[in-house]
Amino acid sequence: MPTYRTVISSKGQVVIPAELREQLGLEKGTPATWTEEKGRLVLTPITARRLRDIRGFLKPKPGEPSMFEEHFADRERERERERRRE
């Protein structure tokens, strides 16, 4: 795995090397998140491929309720508990 060096500008900006931008399909305006993991900065671009991966992770298995349906079921259980307290 090649190592790339870059410099942080006076404005806190970092240039992603062209080879990495091309390899990862990063274009101007691509949103990204920064996280810190064990003293390292990790940049995660929010690309169409990443969004598909996230959606696939959240997609319920056959026969399971969606997160949306589960949320409404939780709210209904909360309402029922509140009604019993009255």
Protein backbone atom coordinates (compact mmCIF):
# COMPACT_ATOMS: atom_id res chain seq x y z
CA MET A 1 0.00 0.00 0.00
CA PRO A 2 1.61 3.29 -1.06
CA THR A 3 2.09 6.13 1.41
CA TYR A 4 1.07 9.66 0.42
CA ARG A 5 2.33 12.84 2.07
CA THR A 6 0.37 16.04 2.24
CA VAL A 7 0.60 19.34 4.13
CA ILE A 8 -2.11 21.02 6.17
CA SER A 9 -2.57 24.60 4.92
CA SER A 10 -2.85 27.69 7.12
CA LYS A 11 -6.62 27.39 6.66
CA GLY A 12 -6.62 23.76 7.86
CA GLN A 13 -7.13 22.39 4.35
CA VAL A 14 -5.69 19.09 3.16
CA VAL A 15 -5.19 18.06 -0.48
CA ILE A 16 -6.13 14.46 -1.28
CA PRO A 17 -3.61 13.15 -3.82
CA ALA A 18 -4.97 12.87 -7.38
CA GLU A 19 -4.28 9.13 -7.55
CA LEU A 20 -6.44 8.50 -4.48
CA ARG A 21 -9.20 10.83 -5.70
CA GLU A 22 -9.32 8.94 -8.99
CA GLN A 23 -9.13 5.52 -7.36
CA LEU A 24 -11.99 6.34 -4.97
CA GLY A 25 -14.11 8.31 -7.45
CA LEU A 26 -13.91 11.51 -5.43
CA GLU A 27 -15.04 14.64 -7.21
CA LYS A 28 -15.35 18.28 -6.25
CA GLY A 29 -18.16 18.66 -3.74
CA THR A 30 -18.06 15.04 -2.46
CA PRO A 31 -19.15 15.20 1.20
CA ALA A 32 -17.03 13.36 3.75
CA THR A 33 -16.75 12.76 7.47
CA TRP A 34 -13.67 12.85 9.69
CA THR A 35 -13.29 10.53 12.66
CA GLU A 36 -10.47 9.89 15.08
CA GLU A 37 -9.41 6.29 15.67
CA LYS A 38 -6.55 5.59 18.06
CA GLY A 39 -4.79 8.87 17.29
CA ARG A 40 -5.33 8.65 13.52
CA LEU A 41 -7.63 10.83 11.43
CA VAL A 42 -9.89 8.82 9.15
CA LEU A 43 -11.59 10.52 6.22
CA THR A 44 -14.66 8.70 4.91
CA PRO A 45 -16.14 10.07 1.69
CA ILE A 46 -19.92 9.87 1.36
CA THR A 47 -20.08 8.50 -2.19
CA ALA A 48 -22.95 6.79 -3.98
CA ARG A 49 -21.22 3.46 -3.31
CA ARG A 50 -20.97 4.25 0.43
CA LEU A 51 -24.65 5.23 0.54
CA ARG A 52 -25.60 1.92 -1.14
CA ASP A 53 -23.54 0.05 1.45
CA ILE A 54 -25.23 1.91 4.29
CA ARG A 55 -28.69 1.30 2.86
CA GLY A 56 -27.91 -2.38 2.45
CA PHE A 57 -26.80 -2.53 6.08
CA LEU A 58 -30.04 -0.93 7.27
CA LYS A 59 -32.31 -2.97 5.00
CA PRO A 60 -34.33 -5.47 7.05
CA LYS A 61 -34.05 -9.17 6.36
CA PRO A 62 -37.13 -10.88 4.88
CA GLY A 63 -39.87 -11.07 7.51
CA GLU A 64 -38.23 -8.53 9.83
CA PRO A 65 -39.77 -5.10 10.46
CA SER A 66 -38.05 -2.05 9.01
CA MET A 67 -36.42 0.47 11.36
CA PHE A 68 -39.33 2.78 10.52
CA GLU A 69 -41.90 0.16 11.52
CA GLU A 70 -39.97 -0.70 14.69
CA HIS A 71 -39.85 2.96 15.67
CA PHE A 72 -43.64 3.24 15.39
CA ALA A 73 -44.10 0.03 17.37
CA ASP A 74 -41.85 1.44 20.13
CA ARG A 75 -43.87 4.66 20.22
CA GLU A 76 -47.10 2.68 20.49
CA ARG A 77 -45.68 0.68 23.42
CA GLU A 78 -44.69 3.95 25.13
CA ARG A 79 -48.19 5.37 24.65
CA GLU A 80 -49.70 2.19 26.10
CA ARG A 81 -47.46 2.43 29.21
CA GLU A 82 -48.45 6.09 29.64
CA ARG A 83 -52.17 5.18 29.39
CA ARG A 84 -51.75 2.53 32.13
CA ARG A 85 -50.15 5.07 34.49
CA GLU A 86 -53.14 7.41 34.26
